[in-house]
Protein backbone atom coordinates (compact mmCIF):
# COMPACT_ATOMS: atom_id res chain seq x y z
CA UNK A 1 0.00 0.00 0.00
CA UNK A 2 2.87 2.37 0.82
CA UNK A 3 4.46 1.66 -2.55
CA UNK A 4 1.23 2.47 -4.37
CA UNK A 5 0.89 5.73 -2.45
CA UNK A 6 4.52 6.62 -3.29
CA UNK A 7 3.96 5.88 -6.99
CA UNK A 8 0.79 7.99 -7.09
CA UNK A 9 2.48 10.88 -5.29
CA UNK A 10 5.47 10.73 -7.64
CA UNK A 11 3.17 10.68 -10.70
CA UNK A 12 1.26 13.70 -9.38
CA UNK A 13 4.46 15.68 -8.76
CA UNK A 14 5.83 14.72 -12.16
CA UNK A 15 2.64 15.85 -13.86
CA UNK A 16 2.83 19.25 -12.15
CA UNK A 17 6.29 19.91 -13.62
CA UNK A 18 4.89 19.66 -17.15
CA UNK A 19 2.25 22.28 -16.46
CA UNK A 20 4.75 25.13 -15.99
CA UNK A 21 4.70 27.28 -19.12
CA UNK A 22 6.62 30.39 -20.08
CA UNK A 23 4.86 32.38 -22.83
CA UNK A 24 6.63 35.03 -24.92
CA UNK A 25 5.02 37.15 -27.62
CA UNK A 26 5.92 40.15 -29.77
CA UNK A 27 3.38 42.97 -30.07
CA UNK A 28 3.28 46.49 -31.46
CA UNK A 29 4.18 49.27 -29.01
CA UNK A 30 0.69 50.71 -29.63
CA UNK A 31 -0.82 48.00 -27.41
CA UNK A 32 1.64 48.56 -24.55
CA UNK A 33 2.19 52.33 -24.22
CA UNK A 34 3.37 51.89 -20.61
CA UNK A 35 6.33 49.78 -21.79
CA UNK A 36 8.05 53.00 -22.88
CA UNK A 37 9.14 51.77 -26.31
CA UNK A 38 9.80 54.02 -29.30
CA UNK A 39 7.87 53.70 -32.54
CA UNK A 40 10.91 51.95 -34.05
CA UNK A 41 10.67 49.24 -31.38
CA UNK A 42 8.36 46.32 -30.64
CA UNK A 43 7.37 45.05 -27.22
CA UNK A 44 8.46 41.60 -26.09
CA UNK A 45 5.92 40.42 -23.50
CA UNK A 46 6.99 37.55 -21.22
CA UNK A 47 4.66 35.75 -18.83
CA UNK A 48 6.36 33.38 -16.39
CA UNK A 49 4.71 30.35 -14.75
CA UNK A 50 3.69 32.39 -11.70
CA UNK A 51 1.76 34.86 -13.87
CA UNK A 52 4.21 37.76 -13.69
CA UNK A 53 4.27 39.78 -16.90
CA UNK A 54 7.36 41.71 -17.97
CA UNK A 55 8.00 43.76 -21.08
CA UNK A 56 11.19 44.50 -23.01
CA UNK A 57 11.68 46.92 -25.91
CA UNK A 58 13.30 45.41 -28.99
CA UNK A 59 14.37 47.18 -32.16
CA UNK A 60 12.04 46.39 -35.03
CA UNK A 61 14.82 46.37 -37.67
CA UNK A 62 17.28 43.50 -37.85
CA UNK A 63 20.12 45.86 -38.81
CA UNK A 64 19.55 47.82 -35.58
CA UNK A 65 20.00 44.71 -33.40
CA UNK A 66 16.46 43.37 -33.19
CA UNK A 67 17.51 39.72 -33.36
CA UNK A 68 20.31 40.23 -30.84
CA UNK A 69 17.95 41.32 -28.06
CA UNK A 70 15.36 38.68 -28.97
CA UNK A 71 18.06 36.00 -28.89
CA UNK A 72 19.27 37.14 -25.47
CA UNK A 73 15.76 37.13 -24.02
CA UNK A 74 14.92 33.67 -25.36
CA UNK A 75 18.29 32.29 -24.21
CA UNK A 76 17.68 33.63 -20.71
CA UNK A 77 14.50 31.53 -20.55
CA UNK A 78 16.26 28.45 -21.94
CA UNK A 79 19.05 28.83 -19.37
CA UNK A 80 16.43 28.42 -16.63
CA UNK A 81 15.73 24.88 -17.87
CA UNK A 82 12.81 25.57 -20.21
CA UNK A 83 12.60 24.12 -23.71
CA UNK A 84 10.84 25.64 -26.69
CA UNK A 85 7.78 23.48 -27.40
CA UNK A 86 5.76 25.69 -29.76
CA UNK A 87 6.32 28.63 -32.08
CA UNK A 88 3.33 30.29 -33.68
CA UNK A 89 3.28 32.79 -36.53
CA UNK A 90 0.20 34.50 -37.91
CA UNK A 91 -0.34 34.88 -41.64
CA UNK A 92 1.09 38.07 -43.05
CA UNK A 93 -1.04 40.70 -44.82
CA UNK A 94 -0.52 39.34 -48.35
CA UNK A 95 -1.62 35.80 -47.47
CA UNK A 96 1.88 34.35 -47.03
CA UNK A 97 2.91 31.87 -44.39
CA UNK A 98 4.25 34.49 -42.00
CA UNK A 99 7.63 34.25 -40.35
CA UNK A 100 9.81 35.80 -37.67
CA UNK A 101 11.63 38.10 -40.12
CA UNK A 102 9.88 39.92 -42.95
CA UNK A 103 11.77 42.33 -45.25
CA UNK A 104 14.56 42.94 -42.74
CA UNK A 105 12.23 43.63 -39.79
CA UNK A 106 10.76 41.53 -37.02
CA UNK A 107 7.29 40.30 -37.90
CA UNK A 108 5.18 41.12 -34.87
CA UNK A 109 1.81 39.88 -36.05
CA UNK A 110 1.04 37.02 -33.72
CA UNK A 111 4.57 35.74 -33.09
CA UNK A 112 4.39 33.61 -29.95
CA UNK A 113 6.92 31.30 -28.30
CA UNK A 114 5.83 28.75 -25.70
CA UNK A 115 8.39 27.19 -23.37
CA UNK A 116 7.91 24.35 -20.87
CA UNK A 117 10.01 22.38 -18.43
CA UNK A 118 10.64 18.91 -19.89
C-alpha atoms as a PDB file:
ATOM      1  CA  UNK A   1       0.000   0.000   0.000  1.00  0.00           C
ATOM      2  CA  UNK A   2       2.868   2.375   0.818  1.00  0.00           C
ATOM      3  CA  UNK A   3       4.458   1.660  -2.551  1.00  0.00           C
ATOM      4  CA  UNK A   4       1.235   2.469  -4.366  1.00  0.00           C
ATOM      5  CA  UNK A   5       0.894   5.726  -2.449  1.00  0.00           C
ATOM      6  CA  UNK A   6       4.515   6.623  -3.290  1.00  0.00           C
ATOM      7  CA  UNK A   7       3.959   5.877  -6.992  1.00  0.00           C
ATOM      8  CA  UNK A   8       0.794   7.991  -7.090  1.00  0.00           C
ATOM      9  CA  UNK A   9       2.479  10.881  -5.288  1.00  0.00           C
ATOM     10  CA  UNK A  10       5.473  10.732  -7.641  1.00  0.00           C
ATOM     11  CA  UNK A  11       3.169  10.679 -10.703  1.00  0.00           C
ATOM     12  CA  UNK A  12       1.261  13.702  -9.385  1.00  0.00           C
ATOM     13  CA  UNK A  13       4.464  15.684  -8.756  1.00  0.00           C
ATOM     14  CA  UNK A  14       5.832  14.717 -12.163  1.00  0.00           C
ATOM     15  CA  UNK A  15       2.637  15.850 -13.858  1.00  0.00           C
ATOM     16  CA  UNK A  16       2.835  19.251 -12.148  1.00  0.00           C
ATOM     17  CA  UNK A  17       6.286  19.907 -13.622  1.00  0.00           C
ATOM     18  CA  UNK A  18       4.890  19.658 -17.150  1.00  0.00           C
ATOM     19  CA  UNK A  19       2.250  22.285 -16.456  1.00  0.00           C
ATOM     20  CA  UNK A  20       4.753  25.132 -15.995  1.00  0.00           C
ATOM     21  CA  UNK A  21       4.699  27.278 -19.119  1.00  0.00           C
ATOM     22  CA  UNK A  22       6.624  30.394 -20.078  1.00  0.00           C
ATOM     23  CA  UNK A  23       4.862  32.380 -22.828  1.00  0.00           C
ATOM     24  CA  UNK A  24       6.630  35.027 -24.921  1.00  0.00           C
ATOM     25  CA  UNK A  25       5.016  37.147 -27.624  1.00  0.00           C
ATOM     26  CA  UNK A  26       5.919  40.149 -29.770  1.00  0.00           C
ATOM     27  CA  UNK A  27       3.385  42.974 -30.066  1.00  0.00           C
ATOM     28  CA  UNK A  28       3.279  46.486 -31.460  1.00  0.00           C
ATOM     29  CA  UNK A  29       4.179  49.269 -29.009  1.00  0.00           C
ATOM     30  CA  UNK A  30       0.689  50.711 -29.627  1.00  0.00           C
ATOM     31  CA  UNK A  31      -0.819  47.996 -27.409  1.00  0.00           C
ATOM     32  CA  UNK A  32       1.640  48.559 -24.555  1.00  0.00           C
ATOM     33  CA  UNK A  33       2.192  52.325 -24.216  1.00  0.00           C
ATOM     34  CA  UNK A  34       3.371  51.890 -20.612  1.00  0.00           C
ATOM     35  CA  UNK A  35       6.332  49.784 -21.793  1.00  0.00           C
ATOM     36  CA  UNK A  36       8.055  53.004 -22.878  1.00  0.00           C
ATOM     37  CA  UNK A  37       9.141  51.774 -26.310  1.00  0.00           C
ATOM     38  CA  UNK A  38       9.802  54.025 -29.297  1.00  0.00           C
ATOM     39  CA  UNK A  39       7.867  53.702 -32.535  1.00  0.00           C
ATOM     40  CA  UNK A  40      10.907  51.955 -34.053  1.00  0.00           C
ATOM     41  CA  UNK A  41      10.668  49.239 -31.383  1.00  0.00           C
ATOM     42  CA  UNK A  42       8.360  46.324 -30.645  1.00  0.00           C
ATOM     43  CA  UNK A  43       7.374  45.053 -27.225  1.00  0.00           C
ATOM     44  CA  UNK A  44       8.456  41.600 -26.091  1.00  0.00           C
ATOM     45  CA  UNK A  45       5.925  40.421 -23.502  1.00  0.00           C
ATOM     46  CA  UNK A  46       6.988  37.551 -21.224  1.00  0.00           C
ATOM     47  CA  UNK A  47       4.658  35.748 -18.831  1.00  0.00           C
ATOM     48  CA  UNK A  48       6.360  33.383 -16.395  1.00  0.00           C
ATOM     49  CA  UNK A  49       4.706  30.350 -14.755  1.00  0.00           C
ATOM     50  CA  UNK A  50       3.687  32.389 -11.695  1.00  0.00           C
ATOM     51  CA  UNK A  51       1.763  34.859 -13.874  1.00  0.00           C
ATOM     52  CA  UNK A  52       4.211  37.764 -13.691  1.00  0.00           C
ATOM     53  CA  UNK A  53       4.269  39.777 -16.896  1.00  0.00           C
ATOM     54  CA  UNK A  54       7.360  41.708 -17.968  1.00  0.00           C
ATOM     55  CA  UNK A  55       7.996  43.756 -21.084  1.00  0.00           C
ATOM     56  CA  UNK A  56      11.186  44.501 -23.014  1.00  0.00           C
ATOM     57  CA  UNK A  57      11.676  46.918 -25.907  1.00  0.00           C
ATOM     58  CA  UNK A  58      13.298  45.409 -28.994  1.00  0.00           C
ATOM     59  CA  UNK A  59      14.375  47.175 -32.163  1.00  0.00           C
ATOM     60  CA  UNK A  60      12.041  46.392 -35.033  1.00  0.00           C
ATOM     61  CA  UNK A  61      14.822  46.373 -37.673  1.00  0.00           C
ATOM     62  CA  UNK A  62      17.279  43.502 -37.850  1.00  0.00           C
ATOM     63  CA  UNK A  63      20.122  45.859 -38.810  1.00  0.00           C
ATOM     64  CA  UNK A  64      19.551  47.824 -35.584  1.00  0.00           C
ATOM     65  CA  UNK A  65      19.998  44.714 -33.402  1.00  0.00           C
ATOM     66  CA  UNK A  66      16.462  43.367 -33.188  1.00  0.00           C
ATOM     67  CA  UNK A  67      17.509  39.723 -33.362  1.00  0.00           C
ATOM     68  CA  UNK A  68      20.309  40.229 -30.837  1.00  0.00           C
ATOM     69  CA  UNK A  69      17.948  41.319 -28.060  1.00  0.00           C
ATOM     70  CA  UNK A  70      15.363  38.685 -28.973  1.00  0.00           C
ATOM     71  CA  UNK A  71      18.058  35.997 -28.893  1.00  0.00           C
ATOM     72  CA  UNK A  72      19.273  37.142 -25.470  1.00  0.00           C
ATOM     73  CA  UNK A  73      15.760  37.127 -24.017  1.00  0.00           C
ATOM     74  CA  UNK A  74      14.923  33.671 -25.363  1.00  0.00           C
ATOM     75  CA  UNK A  75      18.292  32.289 -24.214  1.00  0.00           C
ATOM     76  CA  UNK A  76      17.681  33.627 -20.707  1.00  0.00           C
ATOM     77  CA  UNK A  77      14.499  31.532 -20.552  1.00  0.00           C
ATOM     78  CA  UNK A  78      16.255  28.446 -21.941  1.00  0.00           C
ATOM     79  CA  UNK A  79      19.054  28.826 -19.374  1.00  0.00           C
ATOM     80  CA  UNK A  80      16.428  28.419 -16.628  1.00  0.00           C
ATOM     81  CA  UNK A  81      15.733  24.881 -17.872  1.00  0.00           C
ATOM     82  CA  UNK A  82      12.810  25.566 -20.206  1.00  0.00           C
ATOM     83  CA  UNK A  83      12.602  24.122 -23.708  1.00  0.00           C
ATOM     84  CA  UNK A  84      10.841  25.635 -26.693  1.00  0.00           C
ATOM     85  CA  UNK A  85       7.777  23.480 -27.397  1.00  0.00           C
ATOM     86  CA  UNK A  86       5.760  25.694 -29.762  1.00  0.00           C
ATOM     87  CA  UNK A  87       6.323  28.629 -32.075  1.00  0.00           C
ATOM     88  CA  UNK A  88       3.326  30.290 -33.676  1.00  0.00           C
ATOM     89  CA  UNK A  89       3.279  32.795 -36.531  1.00  0.00           C
ATOM     90  CA  UNK A  90       0.201  34.497 -37.915  1.00  0.00           C
ATOM     91  CA  UNK A  91      -0.344  34.878 -41.640  1.00  0.00           C
ATOM     92  CA  UNK A  92       1.093  38.073 -43.050  1.00  0.00           C
ATOM     93  CA  UNK A  93      -1.041  40.696 -44.821  1.00  0.00           C
ATOM     94  CA  UNK A  94      -0.521  39.341 -48.349  1.00  0.00           C
ATOM     95  CA  UNK A  95      -1.621  35.804 -47.465  1.00  0.00           C
ATOM     96  CA  UNK A  96       1.878  34.354 -47.034  1.00  0.00           C
ATOM     97  CA  UNK A  97       2.905  31.875 -44.392  1.00  0.00           C
ATOM     98  CA  UNK A  98       4.255  34.486 -41.999  1.00  0.00           C
ATOM     99  CA  UNK A  99       7.632  34.247 -40.349  1.00  0.00           C
ATOM    100  CA  UNK A 100       9.807  35.799 -37.669  1.00  0.00           C
ATOM    101  CA  UNK A 101      11.629  38.102 -40.121  1.00  0.00           C
ATOM    102  CA  UNK A 102       9.883  39.918 -42.950  1.00  0.00           C
ATOM    103  CA  UNK A 103      11.772  42.330 -45.255  1.00  0.00           C
ATOM    104  CA  UNK A 104      14.561  42.943 -42.738  1.00  0.00           C
ATOM    105  CA  UNK A 105      12.233  43.632 -39.789  1.00  0.00           C
ATOM    106  CA  UNK A 106      10.763  41.530 -37.025  1.00  0.00           C
ATOM    107  CA  UNK A 107       7.288  40.299 -37.900  1.00  0.00           C
ATOM    108  CA  UNK A 108       5.182  41.116 -34.866  1.00  0.00           C
ATOM    109  CA  UNK A 109       1.808  39.884 -36.054  1.00  0.00           C
ATOM    110  CA  UNK A 110       1.043  37.017 -33.719  1.00  0.00           C
ATOM    111  CA  UNK A 111       4.568  35.741 -33.091  1.00  0.00           C
ATOM    112  CA  UNK A 112       4.395  33.614 -29.945  1.00  0.00           C
ATOM    113  CA  UNK A 113       6.922  31.302 -28.304  1.00  0.00           C
ATOM    114  CA  UNK A 114       5.827  28.754 -25.696  1.00  0.00           C
ATOM    115  CA  UNK A 115       8.395  27.187 -23.365  1.00  0.00           C
ATOM    116  CA  UNK A 116       7.906  24.351 -20.866  1.00  0.00           C
ATOM    117  CA  UNK A 117      10.013  22.381 -18.428  1.00  0.00           C
ATOM    118  CA  UNK A 118      10.640  18.913 -19.893  1.00  0.00           C
END
